[in-house]
Amino acid sequence: MQRTVFFISDSTGITAETIGNSILAQFEAVRFDKHRLPFVDTTQKAEAASLRIKTHYAQTGERPIVVNTMADRSLCEIVAASGALMMDVFAPFIGTLEDELGIKRSGAVNRSHGMVDFEKYEARINATNYALSHDDGLDVDYAQADLILVGVSRSGKTPTCLYMALHYGVRAANYPLTDDDLDKLELPVRLRPYKHRLYGLNIDASRLAQIREQRKPGSRYATLKQCTWELEQADRLMRQAGIPSLNTTHVSIEEIASKIFDRFGIERTMF
């Protein structure tokens, strides 16, 4: 079975897409063809979106699904005229909250992520710069790090650090375990003063080999044998050093970050 889904928002569409994907993931037997339509914040844009959805409906005969986070009800009604199944993300909560607060929602568009908080924005930028300058051991001054991810090359350290920096303002550095580190089975000297801030990332050897093969085709670096050896040694090293770790093979980057925060007792809301 295949169905088409449109994520529609008067802002970036990130909220609609994130929540929508979480819901759709519960229906594994269905293949969803997904489309994001951001910044639908005028009558003209809503009419264009409605026409696109209606045309798709006519061509395929399958009723499209719309995951919607538009605040303006008139824009929602225009899109609903397409005949699609409308799933308003805010609908189950707005009425209840209006009753509790004793006021009506403003209906203002482009407010999904609130007004810019310049202090938090600067924190995100600084954390992102920190993650980039401390990527793969480029800078080893870890005194300002909230945490340090360790693991073999291509185990997911860099994207996780950048995600935590961009969304939570966390100063995350990462250190790639080298063959020399793995041969010695000793925690690198430069990491020892920060042992309490270390967290390890692992991954299945077959998946690691696939990732490395895309980066360096035909290399020893990408062979399953090399990947298996590195991961086994890394696991031994982290167990020996008492470093908590997580296998990232089937875990989303959001869940990786959440588990790391929980381990370190970091309580940050998404900016």
C-alpha atoms as a PDB file:
ATOM      1  CA  MET A   1       0.000   0.000   0.000  1.00  0.00           C
ATOM      2  CA  GLN A   2       1.187   3.529  -0.789  1.00  0.00           C
ATOM      3  CA  ARG A   3      -0.291   6.869   0.269  1.00  0.00           C
ATOM      4  CA  THR A   4       0.788  10.443  -0.297  1.00  0.00           C
ATOM      5  CA  VAL A   5       1.273  12.767   2.657  1.00  0.00           C
ATOM      6  CA  PHE A   6       1.638  16.544   2.628  1.00  0.00           C
ATOM      7  CA  PHE A   7       3.136  18.318   5.648  1.00  0.00           C
ATOM      8  CA  ILE A   8       1.728  21.856   5.517  1.00  0.00           C
ATOM      9  CA  SER A   9       2.677  24.773   7.732  1.00  0.00           C
ATOM     10  CA  ASP A  10       2.597  28.564   7.843  1.00  0.00           C
ATOM     11  CA  SER A  11       6.204  28.364   9.065  1.00  0.00           C
ATOM     12  CA  THR A  12       9.098  25.989   8.385  1.00  0.00           C
ATOM     13  CA  GLY A  13       7.049  22.781   8.452  1.00  0.00           C
ATOM     14  CA  ILE A  14       9.484  21.155  10.869  1.00  0.00           C
ATOM     15  CA  THR A  15       6.831  20.621  13.550  1.00  0.00           C
ATOM     16  CA  ALA A  16       4.335  19.109  11.107  1.00  0.00           C
ATOM     17  CA  GLU A  17       6.983  16.857   9.601  1.00  0.00           C
ATOM     18  CA  THR A  18       8.413  15.728  12.934  1.00  0.00           C
ATOM     19  CA  ILE A  19       5.058  14.889  14.517  1.00  0.00           C
ATOM     20  CA  GLY A  20       3.680  13.503  11.267  1.00  0.00           C
ATOM     21  CA  ASN A  21       6.606  11.146  10.768  1.00  0.00           C
ATOM     22  CA  SER A  22       6.241   9.893  14.343  1.00  0.00           C
ATOM     23  CA  ILE A  23       2.609   9.005  13.631  1.00  0.00           C
ATOM     24  CA  LEU A  24       3.256   7.491  10.213  1.00  0.00           C
ATOM     25  CA  ALA A  25       6.019   5.294  11.625  1.00  0.00           C
ATOM     26  CA  GLN A  26       3.304   3.299  13.408  1.00  0.00           C
ATOM     27  CA  PHE A  27       2.040   2.031  10.040  1.00  0.00           C
ATOM     28  CA  GLU A  28       4.974  -0.013   8.775  1.00  0.00           C
ATOM     29  CA  ALA A  29       2.963  -1.806   6.074  1.00  0.00           C
ATOM     30  CA  VAL A  30       2.319   1.448   4.217  1.00  0.00           C
ATOM     31  CA  ARG A  31       4.822   3.254   2.018  1.00  0.00           C
ATOM     32  CA  PHE A  32       4.317   6.995   2.353  1.00  0.00           C
ATOM     33  CA  ASP A  33       5.261   9.443  -0.395  1.00  0.00           C
ATOM     34  CA  LYS A  34       6.002  12.583   1.621  1.00  0.00           C
ATOM     35  CA  HIS A  35       6.000  16.238   0.606  1.00  0.00           C
ATOM     36  CA  ARG A  36       6.652  19.301   2.789  1.00  0.00           C
ATOM     37  CA  LEU A  37       4.919  22.585   1.927  1.00  0.00           C
ATOM     38  CA  PRO A  38       6.305  25.283   4.256  1.00  0.00           C
ATOM     39  CA  PHE A  39       5.327  28.947   4.605  1.00  0.00           C
ATOM     40  CA  VAL A  40       1.739  28.536   3.426  1.00  0.00           C
ATOM     41  CA  ASP A  41       0.767  31.814   5.084  1.00  0.00           C
ATOM     42  CA  THR A  42      -1.427  33.580   2.513  1.00  0.00           C
ATOM     43  CA  THR A  43      -4.674  32.850   0.703  1.00  0.00           C
ATOM     44  CA  GLN A  44      -2.820  32.533  -2.593  1.00  0.00           C
ATOM     45  CA  LYS A  45      -0.345  29.989  -1.201  1.00  0.00           C
ATOM     46  CA  ALA A  46      -3.131  27.989   0.450  1.00  0.00           C
ATOM     47  CA  GLU A  47      -5.065  27.895  -2.847  1.00  0.00           C
ATOM     48  CA  ALA A  48      -1.932  26.739  -4.689  1.00  0.00           C
ATOM     49  CA  ALA A  49      -1.378  23.998  -2.114  1.00  0.00           C
ATOM     50  CA  SER A  50      -5.030  22.943  -2.336  1.00  0.00           C
ATOM     51  CA  LEU A  51      -4.836  22.737  -6.133  1.00  0.00           C
ATOM     52  CA  ARG A  52      -1.674  20.628  -5.983  1.00  0.00           C
ATOM     53  CA  ILE A  53      -3.288  18.217  -3.520  1.00  0.00           C
ATOM     54  CA  LYS A  54      -6.573  18.068  -5.451  1.00  0.00           C
ATOM     55  CA  THR A  55      -4.687  17.377  -8.702  1.00  0.00           C
ATOM     56  CA  HIS A  56      -2.753  14.556  -7.082  1.00  0.00           C
ATOM     57  CA  TYR A  57      -6.013  13.104  -5.757  1.00  0.00           C
ATOM     58  CA  ALA A  58      -7.542  13.160  -9.248  1.00  0.00           C
ATOM     59  CA  GLN A  59      -4.490  11.589 -10.873  1.00  0.00           C
ATOM     60  CA  THR A  60      -4.023   8.746  -8.401  1.00  0.00           C
ATOM     61  CA  GLY A  61      -7.501   8.108  -7.056  1.00  0.00           C
ATOM     62  CA  GLU A  62      -5.981   7.820  -3.573  1.00  0.00           C
ATOM     63  CA  ARG A  63      -7.067  10.361  -0.990  1.00  0.00           C
ATOM     64  CA  PRO A  64      -4.023  12.384   0.128  1.00  0.00           C
ATOM     65  CA  ILE A  65      -3.251  12.906   3.809  1.00  0.00           C
ATOM     66  CA  VAL A  66      -2.444  16.384   5.118  1.00  0.00           C
ATOM     67  CA  VAL A  67      -0.606  16.901   8.404  1.00  0.00           C
ATOM     68  CA  ASN A  68      -1.317  20.543   9.166  1.00  0.00           C
ATOM     69  CA  THR A  69       0.105  23.113  11.600  1.00  0.00           C
ATOM     70  CA  MET A  70      -1.374  26.273  10.045  1.00  0.00           C
ATOM     71  CA  ALA A  71      -2.817  28.582  12.702  1.00  0.00           C
ATOM     72  CA  ASP A  72      -5.215  30.540  10.463  1.00  0.00           C
ATOM     73  CA  ARG A  73      -8.485  28.589  10.214  1.00  0.00           C
ATOM     74  CA  SER A  74      -9.398  30.217   6.894  1.00  0.00           C
ATOM     75  CA  LEU A  75      -6.211  28.862   5.334  1.00  0.00           C
ATOM     76  CA  CYS A  76      -6.957  25.400   6.748  1.00  0.00           C
ATOM     77  CA  GLU A  77     -10.422  25.498   5.175  1.00  0.00           C
ATOM     78  CA  ILE A  78      -8.973  26.374   1.776  1.00  0.00           C
ATOM     79  CA  VAL A  79      -6.618  23.385   1.911  1.00  0.00           C
ATOM     80  CA  ALA A  80      -9.408  21.137   3.235  1.00  0.00           C
ATOM     81  CA  ALA A  81     -11.426  21.927   0.109  1.00  0.00           C
ATOM     82  CA  SER A  82      -8.957  19.701  -1.762  1.00  0.00           C
ATOM     83  CA  GLY A  83     -10.751  16.676  -0.322  1.00  0.00           C
ATOM     84  CA  ALA A  84      -7.696  15.444   1.563  1.00  0.00           C
ATOM     85  CA  LEU A  85      -7.799  13.847   4.984  1.00  0.00           C
ATOM     86  CA  MET A  86      -6.913  16.781   7.265  1.00  0.00           C
ATOM     87  CA  MET A  87      -4.928  16.054  10.410  1.00  0.00           C
ATOM     88  CA  ASP A  88      -4.634  19.288  12.404  1.00  0.00           C
ATOM     89  CA  VAL A  89      -1.775  18.792  14.852  1.00  0.00           C
ATOM     90  CA  PHE A  90      -2.922  21.630  17.132  1.00  0.00           C
ATOM     91  CA  ALA A  91      -6.666  20.861  17.143  1.00  0.00           C
ATOM     92  CA  PRO A  92      -6.709  18.401  20.089  1.00  0.00           C
ATOM     93  CA  PHE A  93      -4.941  20.920  22.330  1.00  0.00           C
ATOM     94  CA  ILE A  94      -6.068  24.420  21.372  1.00  0.00           C
ATOM     95  CA  GLY A  95      -9.657  24.171  22.648  1.00  0.00           C
ATOM     96  CA  THR A  96      -8.635  22.606  25.947  1.00  0.00           C
ATOM     97  CA  LEU A  97      -5.955  25.246  26.505  1.00  0.00           C
ATOM     98  CA  GLU A  98      -8.355  28.085  25.592  1.00  0.00           C
ATOM     99  CA  ASP A  99     -10.786  26.813  28.224  1.00  0.00           C
ATOM    100  CA  GLU A 100      -8.031  26.544  30.832  1.00  0.00           C
ATOM    101  CA  LEU A 101      -6.529  29.993  30.154  1.00  0.00           C
ATOM    102  CA  GLY A 102      -9.833  31.744  29.540  1.00  0.00           C
ATOM    103  CA  ILE A 103      -8.644  33.354  26.297  1.00  0.00           C
ATOM    104  CA  LYS A 104      -8.805  32.539  22.595  1.00  0.00           C
ATOM    105  CA  ARG A 105      -5.738  31.783  20.509  1.00  0.00           C
ATOM    106  CA  SER A 106      -4.398  34.611  18.410  1.00  0.00           C
ATOM    107  CA  GLY A 107      -4.323  32.665  15.162  1.00  0.00           C
ATOM    108  CA  ALA A 108      -1.155  34.534  14.164  1.00  0.00           C
ATOM    109  CA  VAL A 109       0.898  32.811  11.461  1.00  0.00           C
ATOM    110  CA  ASN A 110       4.622  32.010  11.547  1.00  0.00           C
ATOM    111  CA  ARG A 111       4.593  31.479  15.317  1.00  0.00           C
ATOM    112  CA  SER A 112       5.353  27.749  15.502  1.00  0.00           C
ATOM    113  CA  HIS A 113       8.826  28.401  16.867  1.00  0.00           C
ATOM    114  CA  GLY A 114       8.094  31.604  18.746  1.00  0.00           C
ATOM    115  CA  MET A 115       9.968  34.909  18.701  1.00  0.00           C
ATOM    116  CA  VAL A 116      13.725  34.923  18.403  1.00  0.00           C
ATOM    117  CA  ASP A 117      15.482  34.769  21.763  1.00  0.00           C
ATOM    118  CA  PHE A 118      18.835  36.324  20.903  1.00  0.00           C
ATOM    119  CA  GLU A 119      20.555  34.980  24.005  1.00  0.00           C
ATOM    120  CA  LYS A 120      19.538  31.423  23.155  1.00  0.00           C
ATOM    121  CA  TYR A 121      20.353  32.009  19.501  1.00  0.00           C
ATOM    122  CA  GLU A 122      23.870  33.089  20.425  1.00  0.00           C
ATOM    123  CA  ALA A 123      24.225  30.037  22.673  1.00  0.00           C
ATOM    124  CA  ARG A 124      23.330  27.784  19.743  1.00  0.00           C
ATOM    125  CA  ILE A 125      25.807  29.504  17.437  1.00  0.00           C
ATOM    126  CA  ASN A 126      28.591  29.304  20.018  1.00  0.00           C
ATOM    127  CA  ALA A 127      27.847  25.639  20.710  1.00  0.00           C
ATOM    128  CA  THR A 128      27.828  24.873  16.981  1.00  0.00           C
ATOM    129  CA  ASN A 129      31.160  26.617  16.473  1.00  0.00           C
ATOM    130  CA  TYR A 130      32.524  24.659  19.422  1.00  0.00           C
ATOM    131  CA  ALA A 131      31.321  21.354  17.960  1.00  0.00           C
ATOM    132  CA  LEU A 132      32.911  22.155  14.595  1.00  0.00           C
ATOM    133  CA  SER A 133      36.252  23.231  16.070  1.00  0.00           C
ATOM    134  CA  HIS A 134      36.354  20.144  18.306  1.00  0.00           C
ATOM    135  CA  ASP A 135      35.287  17.698  15.609  1.00  0.00           C
ATOM    136  CA  ASP A 136      37.368  14.518  15.220  1.00  0.00           C
ATOM    137  CA  GLY A 137      39.995  15.715  17.676  1.00  0.00           C
ATOM    138  CA  LEU A 138      40.858  18.865  15.701  1.00  0.00           C
ATOM    139  CA  ASP A 139      41.035  20.820  18.952  1.00  0.00           C
ATOM    140  CA  VAL A 140      41.748  18.922  22.145  1.00  0.00           C
ATOM    141  CA  ASP A 141      40.982  21.652  24.669  1.00  0.00           C
ATOM    142  CA  TYR A 142      37.975  19.979  26.242  1.00  0.00           C
ATOM    143  CA  ALA A 143      37.754  22.178  29.359  1.00  0.00           C
ATOM    144  CA  GLN A 144      34.586  23.888  28.111  1.00  0.00           C
ATOM    145  CA  ALA A 145      32.893  20.721  26.828  1.00  0.00           C
ATOM    146  CA  ASP A 146      29.557  19.676  28.333  1.00  0.00           C
ATOM    147  CA  LEU A 147      30.289  16.196  27.021  1.00  0.00           C
ATOM    148  CA  ILE A 148      32.663  14.347  24.691  1.00  0.00           C
ATOM    149  CA  LEU A 149      31.585  11.581  22.340  1.00  0.00           C
ATOM    150  CA  VAL A 150      34.095   8.820  21.604  1.00  0.00           C
ATOM    151  CA  GLY A 151      33.992   6.038  19.051  1.00  0.00           C
ATOM    152  CA  VAL A 152      35.522   4.727  15.866  1.00  0.00           C
ATOM    153  CA  SER A 153      35.406   6.730  12.667  1.00  0.00           C
ATOM    154  CA  ARG A 154      31.920   7.111  11.101  1.00  0.00           C
ATOM    155  CA  SER A 155      29.998   5.884  14.136  1.00  0.00           C
ATOM    156  CA  GLY A 156      27.790   8.992  14.248  1.00  0.00           C
ATOM    157  CA  LYS A 157      29.748  11.311  16.526  1.00  0.00           C
ATOM    158  CA  THR A 158      29.800  14.436  14.359  1.00  0.00           C
ATOM    159  CA  PRO A 159      26.105  14.616  13.393  1.00  0.00           C
ATOM    160  CA  THR A 160      25.099  13.926  16.993  1.00  0.00           C
ATOM    161  CA  CYS A 161      27.345  16.712  18.288  1.00  0.00           C
ATOM    162  CA  LEU A 162      25.986  19.161  15.725  1.00  0.00           C
ATOM    163  CA  TYR A 163      22.380  18.191  16.470  1.00  0.00           C
ATOM    164  CA  MET A 164      22.858  18.785  20.204  1.00  0.00           C
ATOM    165  CA  ALA A 165      24.565  22.110  19.521  1.00  0.00           C
ATOM    166  CA  LEU A 166      22.040  23.397  17.002  1.00  0.00           C
ATOM    167  CA  HIS A 167      18.909  22.404  18.897  1.00  0.00           C
ATOM    168  CA  TYR A 168      19.978  22.541  22.538  1.00  0.00           C
ATOM    169  CA  GLY A 169      23.070  24.731  22.719  1.00  0.00           C
ATOM    170  CA  VAL A 170      25.115  21.883  24.197  1.00  0.00           C
ATOM    171  CA  ARG A 171      28.882  22.154  23.802  1.00  0.00           C
ATOM    172  CA  ALA A 172      29.715  18.690  22.506  1.00  0.00           C
ATOM    173  CA  ALA A 173      33.149  17.614  21.321  1.00  0.00           C
ATOM    174  CA  ASN A 174      34.111  14.282  19.817  1.00  0.00           C
ATOM    175  CA  TYR A 175      37.220  12.142  19.702  1.00  0.00           C
ATOM    176  CA  PRO A 176      37.826   9.396  17.101  1.00  0.00           C
ATOM    177  CA  LEU A 177      39.492   6.288  18.490  1.00  0.00           C
ATOM    178  CA  THR A 178      42.525   5.537  16.304  1.00  0.00           C
ATOM    179  CA  ASP A 179      44.183   2.204  15.575  1.00  0.00           C
ATOM    180  CA  ASP A 180      46.894   3.198  18.044  1.00  0.00           C
ATOM    181  CA  ASP A 181      44.308   3.797  20.787  1.00  0.00           C
ATOM    182  CA  LEU A 182      42.614   0.497  19.980  1.00  0.00           C
ATOM    183  CA  ASP A 183      45.875  -1.448  19.941  1.00  0.00           C
ATOM    184  CA  LYS A 184      46.832  -0.174  23.388  1.00  0.00           C
ATOM    185  CA  LEU A 185      43.311  -0.611  24.806  1.00  0.00           C
ATOM    186  CA  GLU A 186      43.965   2.437  26.951  1.00  0.00           C
ATOM    187  CA  LEU A 187      42.000   5.627  27.295  1.00  0.00           C
ATOM    188  CA  PRO A 188      43.952   8.352  25.435  1.00  0.00           C
ATOM    189  CA  VAL A 189      45.887  10.624  27.794  1.00  0.00           C
ATOM    190  CA  ARG A 190      44.139  13.756  26.558  1.00  0.00           C
ATOM    191  CA  LEU A 191      40.745  12.298  27.535  1.00  0.00           C
ATOM    192  CA  ARG A 192      41.600  11.073  31.019  1.00  0.00           C
ATOM    193  CA  PRO A 193      40.971  14.385  32.842  1.00  0.00           C
ATOM    194  CA  TYR A 194      37.468  14.418  31.330  1.00  0.00           C
ATOM    195  CA  LYS A 195      36.480  10.800  31.885  1.00  0.00           C
ATOM    196  CA  HIS A 196      33.249  11.840  33.633  1.00  0.00           C
ATOM    197  CA  ARG A 197      32.150  13.656  30.460  1.00  0.00           C
ATOM    198  CA  LEU A 198      32.771  10.793  28.023  1.00  0.00           C
ATOM    199  CA  TYR A 199      30.068   8.858  26.188  1.00  0.00           C
ATOM    200  CA  GLY A 200      30.693   6.159  23.587  1.00  0.00           C
ATOM    201  CA  LEU A 201      28.903   5.521  20.300  1.00  0.00           C
ATOM    202  CA  ASN A 202      28.957   2.064  18.704  1.00  0.00           C
ATOM    203  CA  ILE A 203      27.404   0.696  15.534  1.00  0.00           C
ATOM    204  CA  ASP A 204      26.956  -2.710  13.897  1.00  0.00           C
ATOM    205  CA  ALA A 205      30.013  -3.718  11.858  1.00  0.00           C
ATOM    206  CA  SER A 206      28.047  -4.420   8.666  1.00  0.00           C
ATOM    207  CA  ARG A 207      26.426  -0.989   8.772  1.00  0.00           C
ATOM    208  CA  LEU A 208      29.750   0.702   9.479  1.00  0.00           C
ATOM    209  CA  ALA A 209      31.311  -1.076   6.504  1.00  0.00           C
ATOM    210  CA  GLN A 210      28.507   0.203   4.243  1.00  0.00           C
ATOM    211  CA  ILE A 211      29.005   3.784   5.430  1.00  0.00           C
ATOM    212  CA  ARG A 212      32.783   3.637   5.005  1.00  0.00           C
ATOM    213  CA  GLU A 213      32.508   2.002   1.589  1.00  0.00           C
ATOM    214  CA  GLN A 214      30.556   5.036   0.386  1.00  0.00           C
ATOM    215  CA  ARG A 215      33.276   7.328   1.724  1.00  0.00           C
ATOM    216  CA  LYS A 216      36.360   5.322   0.634  1.00  0.00           C
ATOM    217  CA  PRO A 217      35.351   2.578  -1.822  1.00  0.00           C
ATOM    218  CA  GLY A 218      37.583  -0.490  -1.934  1.00  0.00           C
ATOM    219  CA  SER A 219      39.759   0.591   0.981  1.00  0.00           C
ATOM    220  CA  ARG A 220      40.972  -1.505   3.893  1.00  0.00           C
ATOM    221  CA  TYR A 221      39.269   1.111   6.067  1.00  0.00           C
ATOM    222  CA  ALA A 222      35.889  -0.036   4.713  1.00  0.00           C
ATOM    223  CA  THR A 223      36.332  -3.809   4.957  1.00  0.00           C
ATOM    224  CA  LEU A 224      34.078  -5.753   7.265  1.00  0.00           C
ATOM    225  CA  LYS A 225      37.135  -7.315   8.904  1.00  0.00           C
ATOM    226  CA  GLN A 226      38.627  -3.941   9.801  1.00  0.00           C
ATOM    227  CA  CYS A 227      35.297  -2.561  11.006  1.00  0.00           C
ATOM    228  CA  THR A 228      34.677  -5.627  13.170  1.00  0.00           C
ATOM    229  CA  TRP A 229      38.123  -5.413  14.746  1.00  0.00           C
ATOM    230  CA  GLU A 230      37.823  -1.697  15.494  1.00  0.00           C
ATOM    231  CA  LEU A 231      34.369  -2.054  17.040  1.00  0.00           C
ATOM    232  CA  GLU A 232      35.364  -5.018  19.191  1.00  0.00           C
ATOM    233  CA  GLN A 233      38.448  -3.192  20.455  1.00  0.00           C
ATOM    234  CA  ALA A 234      36.469   0.005  21.045  1.00  0.00           C
ATOM    235  CA  ASP A 235      33.883  -1.929  23.036  1.00  0.00           C
ATOM    236  CA  ARG A 236      36.613  -3.503  25.169  1.00  0.00           C
ATOM    237  CA  LEU A 237      38.277  -0.136  25.748  1.00  0.00           C
ATOM    238  CA  MET A 238      35.036   1.568  26.790  1.00  0.00           C
ATOM    239  CA  ARG A 239      34.023  -1.270  29.084  1.00  0.00           C
ATOM    240  CA  GLN A 240      37.476  -1.289  30.651  1.00  0.00           C
ATOM    241  CA  ALA A 241      37.391   2.484  31.183  1.00  0.00           C
ATOM    242  CA  GLY A 242      33.808   2.433  32.458  1.00  0.00           C
ATOM    243  CA  ILE A 243      32.505   4.670  29.656  1.00  0.00           C
ATOM    244  CA  PRO A 244      28.730   4.415  29.029  1.00  0.00           C
ATOM    245  CA  SER A 245      27.899   3.701  25.395  1.00  0.00           C
ATOM    246  CA  LEU A 246      25.054   3.232  22.925  1.00  0.00           C
ATOM    247  CA  ASN A 247      24.694   1.254  19.698  1.00  0.00           C
ATOM    248  CA  THR A 248      23.385   3.774  17.158  1.00  0.00           C
ATOM    249  CA  THR A 249      22.560   1.386  14.310  1.00  0.00           C
ATOM    250  CA  HIS A 250      18.783   1.520  14.668  1.00  0.00           C
ATOM    251  CA  VAL A 251      18.448   4.662  16.766  1.00  0.00           C
ATOM    252  CA  SER A 252      17.467   8.110  15.489  1.00  0.00           C
ATOM    253  CA  ILE A 253      19.724  11.053  16.187  1.00  0.00           C
ATOM    254  CA  GLU A 254      16.989  12.579  18.367  1.00  0.00           C
ATOM    255  CA  GLU A 255      16.873   9.455  20.522  1.00  0.00           C
ATOM    256  CA  ILE A 256      20.665   9.296  20.740  1.00  0.00           C
ATOM    257  CA  ALA A 257      20.739  12.861  22.061  1.00  0.00           C
ATOM    258  CA  SER A 258      17.912  12.166  24.498  1.00  0.00           C
ATOM    259  CA  LYS A 259      19.679   9.114  25.941  1.00  0.00           C
ATOM    260  CA  ILE A 260      22.931  11.056  26.306  1.00  0.00           C
ATOM    261  CA  PHE A 261      21.170  13.930  28.083  1.00  0.00           C
ATOM    262  CA  ASP A 262      19.455  11.486  30.412  1.00  0.00           C
ATOM    263  CA  ARG A 263      22.762   9.837  31.257  1.00  0.00           C
ATOM    264  CA  PHE A 264      24.435  13.148  32.118  1.00  0.00           C
ATOM    265  CA  GLY A 265      21.403  14.706  33.770  1.00  0.00           C
ATOM    266  CA  ILE A 266      21.290  17.492  31.184  1.00  0.00           C
ATOM    267  CA  GLU A 267      17.902  19.188  31.131  1.00  0.00           C
ATOM    268  CA  ARG A 268      17.595  21.440  28.105  1.00  0.00           C
ATOM    269  CA  THR A 269      14.509  22.362  26.123  1.00  0.00           C
ATOM    270  CA  MET A 270      14.747  22.558  22.338  1.00  0.00           C
ATOM    271  CA  PHE A 271      15.416  26.121  21.202  1.00  0.00           C
END
